[in-house]
N, C-alpha and C. Protein backbone atom coordinates (compact mmCIF):
# COMPACT_ATOMS: atom_id res chain seq x y z
N MET A 1 -33.21 56.21 39.62
CA MET A 1 -33.17 57.64 39.80
C MET A 1 -32.14 58.21 38.80
N PRO A 2 -32.53 59.20 37.99
CA PRO A 2 -31.62 59.77 37.00
C PRO A 2 -30.50 60.55 37.67
N LEU A 3 -29.37 60.56 36.98
CA LEU A 3 -28.19 61.27 37.46
C LEU A 3 -28.39 62.77 37.28
N GLN A 4 -28.11 63.52 38.31
CA GLN A 4 -28.25 64.97 38.23
C GLN A 4 -26.87 65.60 38.16
N ARG A 5 -26.75 66.58 37.33
CA ARG A 5 -25.48 67.30 37.21
C ARG A 5 -25.48 68.47 38.16
N SER A 6 -24.35 68.68 38.75
CA SER A 6 -24.22 69.77 39.69
C SER A 6 -23.74 71.01 38.95
N SER A 7 -24.19 72.12 39.35
CA SER A 7 -23.74 73.38 38.77
C SER A 7 -22.66 74.01 39.63
N ASP A 8 -22.23 73.33 40.64
CA ASP A 8 -21.19 73.85 41.53
C ASP A 8 -19.83 73.72 40.85
N PRO A 9 -19.12 74.84 40.56
CA PRO A 9 -17.84 74.76 39.85
C PRO A 9 -16.76 74.00 40.60
N VAL A 10 -16.74 74.09 41.92
CA VAL A 10 -15.73 73.38 42.71
C VAL A 10 -15.92 71.89 42.57
N ARG A 11 -17.15 71.43 42.59
CA ARG A 11 -17.45 70.02 42.45
C ARG A 11 -17.10 69.52 41.04
N LEU A 12 -17.34 70.34 40.03
CA LEU A 12 -17.03 69.96 38.66
C LEU A 12 -15.52 69.82 38.44
N LEU A 13 -14.73 70.73 39.01
CA LEU A 13 -13.28 70.69 38.83
C LEU A 13 -12.63 69.56 39.61
N SER A 14 -13.19 69.19 40.72
CA SER A 14 -12.58 68.12 41.52
C SER A 14 -13.10 66.74 41.14
N SER A 15 -14.00 66.67 40.21
CA SER A 15 -14.58 65.40 39.79
C SER A 15 -13.58 64.63 38.91
N ASP A 16 -13.59 63.31 38.99
CA ASP A 16 -12.74 62.45 38.16
C ASP A 16 -13.38 62.12 36.83
N ALA A 17 -14.57 62.55 36.61
CA ALA A 17 -15.25 62.26 35.36
C ALA A 17 -14.57 63.01 34.22
N GLY A 18 -14.39 62.34 33.09
CA GLY A 18 -13.74 62.98 31.96
C GLY A 18 -13.97 62.19 30.70
N SER A 19 -13.39 62.66 29.65
CA SER A 19 -13.55 62.00 28.38
C SER A 19 -12.21 61.42 27.95
N ALA A 20 -12.17 60.13 27.73
CA ALA A 20 -10.92 59.48 27.32
C ALA A 20 -10.47 59.97 25.96
N LEU A 21 -11.41 60.25 25.08
CA LEU A 21 -11.06 60.76 23.76
C LEU A 21 -10.40 62.13 23.87
N LEU A 22 -10.92 62.98 24.70
CA LEU A 22 -10.34 64.30 24.89
C LEU A 22 -8.94 64.19 25.49
N GLU A 23 -8.75 63.31 26.45
CA GLU A 23 -7.44 63.13 27.05
C GLU A 23 -6.45 62.55 26.04
N PHE A 24 -6.91 61.63 25.21
CA PHE A 24 -6.02 61.06 24.18
C PHE A 24 -5.58 62.14 23.20
N VAL A 25 -6.51 62.93 22.75
CA VAL A 25 -6.16 64.01 21.81
C VAL A 25 -5.25 65.02 22.49
N GLY A 26 -5.60 65.41 23.69
CA GLY A 26 -4.82 66.42 24.40
C GLY A 26 -3.41 65.98 24.69
N PHE A 27 -3.27 64.82 25.30
CA PHE A 27 -1.94 64.36 25.68
C PHE A 27 -1.26 63.57 24.58
N GLY A 28 -2.02 62.74 23.90
CA GLY A 28 -1.43 61.90 22.87
C GLY A 28 -0.88 62.68 21.71
N LEU A 29 -1.67 63.53 21.13
CA LEU A 29 -1.22 64.26 19.95
C LEU A 29 -0.36 65.46 20.30
N LEU A 30 -0.78 66.23 21.26
CA LEU A 30 -0.06 67.46 21.56
C LEU A 30 1.32 67.21 22.17
N LEU A 31 1.50 66.12 22.86
CA LEU A 31 2.79 65.85 23.48
C LEU A 31 3.65 64.87 22.67
N GLN A 32 3.03 63.94 21.96
CA GLN A 32 3.80 62.93 21.27
C GLN A 32 4.29 63.37 19.91
N ILE A 33 3.59 64.26 19.24
CA ILE A 33 4.05 64.73 17.93
C ILE A 33 5.38 65.47 18.04
N PRO A 34 5.57 66.38 18.98
CA PRO A 34 6.90 67.01 19.10
C PRO A 34 7.99 66.00 19.45
N LEU A 35 7.67 65.00 20.26
CA LEU A 35 8.66 63.97 20.58
C LEU A 35 9.03 63.16 19.35
N LEU A 36 8.05 62.84 18.52
CA LEU A 36 8.31 62.11 17.29
C LEU A 36 9.17 62.94 16.34
N MET A 37 8.87 64.22 16.23
CA MET A 37 9.66 65.10 15.36
C MET A 37 11.10 65.20 15.86
N MET A 38 11.29 65.26 17.15
CA MET A 38 12.63 65.33 17.72
C MET A 38 13.38 64.03 17.47
N ALA A 39 12.72 62.90 17.56
CA ALA A 39 13.37 61.61 17.31
C ALA A 39 13.78 61.48 15.85
N VAL A 40 12.94 61.94 14.93
CA VAL A 40 13.28 61.89 13.51
C VAL A 40 14.47 62.80 13.22
N SER A 41 14.48 63.98 13.82
CA SER A 41 15.60 64.90 13.64
C SER A 41 16.89 64.30 14.18
N PHE A 42 16.82 63.66 15.33
CA PHE A 42 18.01 63.02 15.90
C PHE A 42 18.51 61.90 15.00
N ALA A 43 17.60 61.14 14.41
CA ALA A 43 18.00 60.05 13.52
C ALA A 43 18.70 60.59 12.27
N GLU A 44 18.25 61.72 11.75
CA GLU A 44 18.90 62.33 10.58
C GLU A 44 20.31 62.81 10.92
N VAL A 45 20.47 63.39 12.09
CA VAL A 45 21.80 63.84 12.52
C VAL A 45 22.73 62.65 12.68
N GLN A 46 22.23 61.58 13.27
CA GLN A 46 23.04 60.37 13.44
C GLN A 46 23.43 59.77 12.10
N GLN A 47 22.51 59.75 11.14
CA GLN A 47 22.81 59.20 9.83
C GLN A 47 23.92 60.01 9.15
N THR A 48 23.86 61.31 9.26
CA THR A 48 24.88 62.17 8.67
C THR A 48 26.23 61.93 9.34
N GLN A 49 26.25 61.78 10.64
CA GLN A 49 27.51 61.53 11.35
C GLN A 49 28.09 60.17 10.98
N PHE A 50 27.24 59.16 10.89
CA PHE A 50 27.72 57.84 10.48
C PHE A 50 28.28 57.87 9.06
N ALA A 51 27.63 58.62 8.18
CA ALA A 51 28.12 58.73 6.81
C ALA A 51 29.47 59.43 6.77
N ALA A 52 29.64 60.49 7.55
CA ALA A 52 30.92 61.20 7.59
C ALA A 52 32.04 60.30 8.10
N GLU A 53 31.76 59.51 9.11
CA GLU A 53 32.77 58.61 9.65
C GLU A 53 33.11 57.50 8.64
N ALA A 54 32.11 56.99 7.95
CA ALA A 54 32.36 55.96 6.94
C ALA A 54 33.18 56.53 5.79
N ILE A 55 32.87 57.74 5.36
CA ILE A 55 33.63 58.37 4.29
C ILE A 55 35.08 58.56 4.70
N ALA A 56 35.30 59.07 5.90
CA ALA A 56 36.66 59.32 6.36
C ALA A 56 37.49 58.03 6.39
N ARG A 57 36.93 57.01 6.97
CA ARG A 57 37.69 55.78 7.12
C ARG A 57 37.89 55.03 5.80
N HIS A 58 36.79 54.78 5.11
CA HIS A 58 36.86 53.92 3.93
C HIS A 58 37.47 54.61 2.72
N SER A 59 37.28 55.90 2.59
CA SER A 59 37.90 56.62 1.47
C SER A 59 39.41 56.63 1.61
N LEU A 60 39.89 56.86 2.82
CA LEU A 60 41.35 56.86 3.04
C LEU A 60 41.93 55.46 2.87
N ARG A 61 41.21 54.44 3.32
CA ARG A 61 41.68 53.06 3.14
C ARG A 61 41.77 52.69 1.67
N SER A 62 40.73 53.05 0.90
CA SER A 62 40.75 52.70 -0.52
C SER A 62 41.83 53.49 -1.27
N PHE A 63 42.10 54.70 -0.81
CA PHE A 63 43.18 55.48 -1.42
C PHE A 63 44.53 54.81 -1.17
N LEU A 64 44.75 54.36 0.04
CA LEU A 64 46.04 53.73 0.39
C LEU A 64 46.19 52.35 -0.23
N LEU A 65 45.14 51.57 -0.25
CA LEU A 65 45.26 50.18 -0.70
C LEU A 65 45.20 50.01 -2.21
N ILE A 66 44.29 50.74 -2.88
CA ILE A 66 44.15 50.53 -4.32
C ILE A 66 44.25 51.81 -5.14
N GLY A 67 44.52 52.92 -4.49
CA GLY A 67 44.75 54.17 -5.23
C GLY A 67 43.51 54.88 -5.72
N THR A 68 42.33 54.54 -5.19
CA THR A 68 41.09 55.21 -5.57
C THR A 68 41.09 56.63 -5.03
N PRO A 69 40.78 57.63 -5.85
CA PRO A 69 40.67 58.99 -5.31
C PRO A 69 39.63 59.07 -4.20
N VAL A 70 39.93 59.84 -3.16
CA VAL A 70 39.01 59.91 -2.01
C VAL A 70 37.65 60.47 -2.41
N SER A 71 37.60 61.34 -3.40
CA SER A 71 36.31 61.90 -3.81
C SER A 71 35.41 60.84 -4.47
N GLU A 72 36.01 59.92 -5.21
CA GLU A 72 35.21 58.85 -5.83
C GLU A 72 34.65 57.90 -4.79
N ALA A 73 35.49 57.52 -3.84
CA ALA A 73 35.02 56.63 -2.77
C ALA A 73 33.95 57.33 -1.93
N ALA A 74 34.13 58.62 -1.68
CA ALA A 74 33.14 59.38 -0.91
C ALA A 74 31.80 59.42 -1.63
N ALA A 75 31.82 59.59 -2.94
CA ALA A 75 30.58 59.62 -3.72
C ALA A 75 29.84 58.29 -3.63
N GLU A 76 30.57 57.19 -3.67
CA GLU A 76 29.94 55.87 -3.57
C GLU A 76 29.33 55.65 -2.19
N ILE A 77 30.03 56.09 -1.16
CA ILE A 77 29.51 55.92 0.20
C ILE A 77 28.27 56.79 0.41
N LEU A 78 28.29 58.01 -0.13
CA LEU A 78 27.11 58.88 -0.03
C LEU A 78 25.91 58.24 -0.72
N ALA A 79 26.15 57.59 -1.85
CA ALA A 79 25.06 56.91 -2.55
C ALA A 79 24.51 55.77 -1.69
N ASP A 80 25.39 55.07 -0.98
CA ASP A 80 24.93 53.99 -0.10
C ASP A 80 24.05 54.52 1.03
N PHE A 81 24.41 55.69 1.55
CA PHE A 81 23.63 56.30 2.63
C PHE A 81 22.44 57.10 2.11
N GLN A 82 22.31 57.21 0.80
CA GLN A 82 21.23 57.95 0.14
C GLN A 82 21.18 59.41 0.59
N LEU A 83 22.37 60.03 0.67
CA LEU A 83 22.48 61.44 1.03
C LEU A 83 22.84 62.25 -0.21
N ARG A 84 22.32 63.44 -0.29
CA ARG A 84 22.59 64.29 -1.45
C ARG A 84 23.55 65.43 -1.11
N THR A 85 23.92 65.58 0.14
CA THR A 85 24.83 66.64 0.56
C THR A 85 26.24 66.34 0.07
N GLU A 86 26.89 67.35 -0.47
CA GLU A 86 28.27 67.20 -0.93
C GLU A 86 29.22 67.35 0.25
N PRO A 87 30.11 66.39 0.47
CA PRO A 87 31.06 66.54 1.57
C PRO A 87 32.23 67.43 1.16
N ARG A 88 32.85 68.03 2.15
CA ARG A 88 34.09 68.76 1.92
C ARG A 88 35.20 67.86 2.46
N LEU A 89 36.13 67.49 1.59
CA LEU A 89 37.21 66.57 1.94
C LEU A 89 38.53 67.32 2.00
N LEU A 90 39.30 67.09 3.05
CA LEU A 90 40.61 67.73 3.20
C LEU A 90 41.64 66.64 3.49
N LEU A 91 42.47 66.34 2.50
CA LEU A 91 43.51 65.31 2.63
C LEU A 91 44.85 65.99 2.82
N THR A 92 45.52 65.68 3.92
CA THR A 92 46.85 66.22 4.18
C THR A 92 47.83 65.07 4.36
N CYS A 93 49.06 65.29 3.89
CA CYS A 93 50.11 64.27 3.98
C CYS A 93 51.32 64.90 4.67
N ARG A 94 51.76 64.29 5.75
CA ARG A 94 52.90 64.82 6.51
C ARG A 94 53.99 63.78 6.59
N PRO A 95 55.20 64.10 6.61
CA PRO A 95 55.80 65.42 6.70
C PRO A 95 56.12 66.05 5.34
N THR A 96 56.15 65.27 4.28
CA THR A 96 56.65 65.78 3.01
C THR A 96 55.59 66.43 2.13
N GLY A 97 54.33 66.11 2.31
CA GLY A 97 53.28 66.61 1.44
C GLY A 97 53.01 65.68 0.27
N ASP A 98 53.87 64.68 0.08
CA ASP A 98 53.68 63.69 -0.98
C ASP A 98 53.01 62.46 -0.36
N CYS A 99 51.80 62.15 -0.81
CA CYS A 99 51.02 61.06 -0.22
C CYS A 99 51.49 59.67 -0.65
N GLU A 100 52.38 59.59 -1.63
CA GLU A 100 52.83 58.30 -2.15
C GLU A 100 54.10 57.77 -1.47
N VAL A 101 54.72 58.55 -0.63
CA VAL A 101 55.97 58.15 0.03
C VAL A 101 55.65 57.23 1.20
N PRO A 102 56.27 56.04 1.25
CA PRO A 102 56.05 55.15 2.39
C PRO A 102 56.44 55.82 3.71
N GLY A 103 55.62 55.59 4.73
CA GLY A 103 55.86 56.18 6.04
C GLY A 103 55.15 57.52 6.23
N THR A 104 54.57 58.05 5.18
CA THR A 104 53.86 59.33 5.28
C THR A 104 52.58 59.15 6.09
N LEU A 105 52.28 60.12 6.92
CA LEU A 105 51.06 60.10 7.73
C LEU A 105 49.97 60.86 6.97
N LEU A 106 48.90 60.15 6.60
CA LEU A 106 47.81 60.75 5.85
C LEU A 106 46.64 61.04 6.78
N THR A 107 46.06 62.22 6.64
CA THR A 107 44.91 62.62 7.44
C THR A 107 43.80 63.06 6.50
N LEU A 108 42.62 62.47 6.64
CA LEU A 108 41.47 62.86 5.84
C LEU A 108 40.41 63.41 6.78
N GLU A 109 40.06 64.68 6.56
CA GLU A 109 38.98 65.31 7.32
C GLU A 109 37.76 65.41 6.41
N VAL A 110 36.62 65.05 6.96
CA VAL A 110 35.36 65.07 6.20
C VAL A 110 34.39 65.99 6.93
N PHE A 111 33.84 66.95 6.20
CA PHE A 111 32.81 67.83 6.71
C PHE A 111 31.55 67.57 5.88
N LEU A 112 30.52 67.09 6.53
CA LEU A 112 29.27 66.74 5.85
C LEU A 112 28.12 67.36 6.63
N GLY A 113 27.62 68.48 6.15
CA GLY A 113 26.60 69.21 6.90
C GLY A 113 27.19 69.67 8.22
N GLN A 114 26.57 69.29 9.31
CA GLN A 114 27.08 69.62 10.64
C GLN A 114 28.04 68.56 11.17
N ALA A 115 28.17 67.46 10.46
CA ALA A 115 29.01 66.35 10.92
C ALA A 115 30.47 66.58 10.52
N HIS A 116 31.37 66.09 11.35
CA HIS A 116 32.80 66.20 11.10
C HIS A 116 33.44 64.89 11.55
N ALA A 117 34.30 64.35 10.69
CA ALA A 117 35.00 63.10 11.02
C ALA A 117 36.43 63.18 10.51
N VAL A 118 37.34 62.51 11.20
CA VAL A 118 38.76 62.51 10.83
C VAL A 118 39.26 61.07 10.84
N SER A 119 40.09 60.76 9.84
CA SER A 119 40.74 59.46 9.79
C SER A 119 42.22 59.70 9.54
N VAL A 120 43.06 58.98 10.28
CA VAL A 120 44.51 59.12 10.15
C VAL A 120 45.10 57.74 9.94
N MET A 121 45.95 57.61 8.88
CA MET A 121 46.61 56.33 8.58
C MET A 121 48.02 56.61 8.08
N ARG A 122 48.89 55.63 8.29
CA ARG A 122 50.26 55.73 7.82
C ARG A 122 50.40 54.92 6.54
N HIS A 123 51.07 55.52 5.55
CA HIS A 123 51.30 54.82 4.27
C HIS A 123 52.23 53.65 4.52
N PRO A 124 51.85 52.46 4.02
CA PRO A 124 52.71 51.28 4.28
C PRO A 124 54.02 51.35 3.54
């Protein structure tokens, strides 16, 4: 006996019959694409923050240990992270303002896009 379709709207809406392809397109694409975009955006923010922290720490260390300017070390680290954004570097030396005096407290602040990182070290 052939299957007959009902024209009753209540019966059609309460029926479990459906199309898997339509459900995949509806839920799979419409809901997962925004989630994927959000995950990619979060990964970019994390990469920028990691780069800012690496610049702050390693640039100040190389400045103290071998005298490399912080801007040169920052450029090398940015190349490692494959970022093209220019960081803003703020190096302060307390209490005298001279970064070469033993015992001076050096602070390097790095601003990279929305990321911000600080590193503090004492001159040996």
